[in-house]
């Protein structure tokens, strides 16, 4: 498992965070 996967997950959370909040 590389750090790229972690970065991807972090980005997903960052985008999903506000999206879920808006909902």
PDB file of N, CA and C in Angstrom:
ATOM      1  N   UNK A   1       0.840  -1.209   0.000  1.00  0.00           N
ATOM      2  CA  UNK A   1       0.000   0.000   0.000  1.00  0.00           C
ATOM      3  C   UNK A   1       0.878   1.264   0.000  1.00  0.00           C
ATOM      4  N   UNK A   2       0.679   2.114  -0.978  1.00  0.00           N
ATOM      5  CA  UNK A   2       1.505   3.335  -1.063  1.00  0.00           C
ATOM      6  C   UNK A   2       0.773   4.557  -0.518  1.00  0.00           C
ATOM      7  N   UNK A   3       1.479   5.659  -0.460  1.00  0.00           N
ATOM      8  CA  UNK A   3       0.893   6.903   0.069  1.00  0.00           C
ATOM      9  C   UNK A   3      -0.113   7.502  -0.910  1.00  0.00           C
ATOM     10  N   UNK A   4      -0.005   7.068  -2.165  1.00  0.00           N
ATOM     11  CA  UNK A   4      -0.938   7.610  -3.170  1.00  0.00           C
ATOM     12  C   UNK A   4      -2.380   7.230  -2.810  1.00  0.00           C
ATOM     13  N   UNK A   5      -2.539   5.992  -2.330  1.00  0.00           N
ATOM     14  CA  UNK A   5      -3.883   5.528  -1.964  1.00  0.00           C
ATOM     15  C   UNK A   5      -4.439   6.414  -0.841  1.00  0.00           C
ATOM     16  N   UNK A   6      -3.567   6.724   0.124  1.00  0.00           N
ATOM     17  CA  UNK A   6      -3.998   7.554   1.256  1.00  0.00           C
ATOM     18  C   UNK A   6      -4.406   8.940   0.758  1.00  0.00           C
ATOM     19  N   UNK A   7      -3.625   9.452  -0.180  1.00  0.00           N
ATOM     20  CA  UNK A   7      -3.930  10.791  -0.723  1.00  0.00           C
ATOM     21  C   UNK A   7      -5.277  10.758  -1.439  1.00  0.00           C
ATOM     22  N   UNK A   8      -5.515   9.676  -2.151  1.00  0.00           N
ATOM     23  CA  UNK A   8      -6.782   9.546  -2.880  1.00  0.00           C
ATOM     24  C   UNK A   8      -7.953   9.514  -1.910  1.00  0.00           C
ATOM     25  N   UNK A   9      -7.788   8.749  -0.842  1.00  0.00           N
ATOM     26  CA  UNK A   9      -8.847   8.649   0.175  1.00  0.00           C
ATOM     27  C   UNK A   9      -9.080  10.008   0.823  1.00  0.00           C
ATOM     28  N   UNK A  10      -7.974  10.704   1.120  1.00  0.00           N
ATOM     29  CA  UNK A  10      -8.087  12.035   1.748  1.00  0.00           C
ATOM     30  C   UNK A  10      -8.850  12.979   0.818  1.00  0.00           C
ATOM     31  N   UNK A  11      -8.532  12.937  -0.462  1.00  0.00           N
ATOM     32  CA  UNK A  11      -9.205  13.814  -1.426  1.00  0.00           C
ATOM     33  C   UNK A  11     -10.689  13.460  -1.507  1.00  0.00           C
ATOM     34  N   UNK A  12     -10.985  12.169  -1.511  1.00  0.00           N
ATOM     35  CA  UNK A  12     -12.388  11.727  -1.578  1.00  0.00           C
ATOM     36  C   UNK A  12     -13.156  12.255  -0.369  1.00  0.00           C
ATOM     37  N   UNK A  13     -12.519  12.156   0.800  1.00  0.00           N
ATOM     38  CA  UNK A  13     -13.179  12.624   2.017  1.00  0.00           C
ATOM     39  C   UNK A  13     -13.399  14.129   1.949  1.00  0.00           C
ATOM     40  N   UNK A  14     -12.389  14.831   1.443  1.00  0.00           N
ATOM     41  CA  UNK A  14     -12.465  16.298   1.357  1.00  0.00           C
ATOM     42  C   UNK A  14     -13.632  16.696   0.439  1.00  0.00           C
ATOM     43  N   UNK A  15     -13.826  15.912  -0.628  1.00  0.00           N
ATOM     44  CA  UNK A  15     -14.900  16.233  -1.573  1.00  0.00           C
ATOM     45  C   UNK A  15     -16.246  15.726  -1.065  1.00  0.00           C
ATOM     46  N   UNK A  16     -16.218  14.553  -0.405  1.00  0.00           N
ATOM     47  CA  UNK A  16     -17.463  13.962   0.111  1.00  0.00           C
ATOM     48  C   UNK A  16     -17.953  14.740   1.331  1.00  0.00           C
ATOM     49  N   UNK A  17     -17.024  15.293   2.109  1.00  0.00           N
ATOM     50  CA  UNK A  17     -17.387  16.041   3.318  1.00  0.00           C
ATOM     51  C   UNK A  17     -18.415  17.126   3.030  1.00  0.00           C
ATOM     52  N   UNK A  18     -18.036  18.151   2.266  1.00  0.00           N
ATOM     53  CA  UNK A  18     -18.947  19.263   1.973  1.00  0.00           C
ATOM     54  C   UNK A  18     -20.169  18.809   1.176  1.00  0.00           C
ATOM     55  N   UNK A  19     -19.989  17.807   0.341  1.00  0.00           N
ATOM     56  CA  UNK A  19     -21.112  17.315  -0.472  1.00  0.00           C
ATOM     57  C   UNK A  19     -22.192  16.713   0.424  1.00  0.00           C
ATOM     58  N   UNK A  20     -21.757  15.931   1.417  1.00  0.00           N
ATOM     59  CA  UNK A  20     -22.710  15.306   2.343  1.00  0.00           C
ATOM     60  C   UNK A  20     -23.342  16.370   3.232  1.00  0.00           C
ATOM     61  N   UNK A  21     -22.542  17.365   3.596  1.00  0.00           N
ATOM     62  CA  UNK A  21     -23.046  18.433   4.480  1.00  0.00           C
ATOM     63  C   UNK A  21     -24.124  19.230   3.732  1.00  0.00           C
ATOM     64  N   UNK A  22     -23.886  19.482   2.453  1.00  0.00           N
ATOM     65  CA  UNK A  22     -24.845  20.251   1.648  1.00  0.00           C
ATOM     66  C   UNK A  22     -26.161  19.488   1.553  1.00  0.00           C
ATOM     67  N   UNK A  23     -26.048  18.156   1.512  1.00  0.00           N
ATOM     68  CA  UNK A  23     -27.246  17.330   1.408  1.00  0.00           C
ATOM     69  C   UNK A  23     -28.016  17.474   2.702  1.00  0.00           C
TER      70      UNK A  23
END
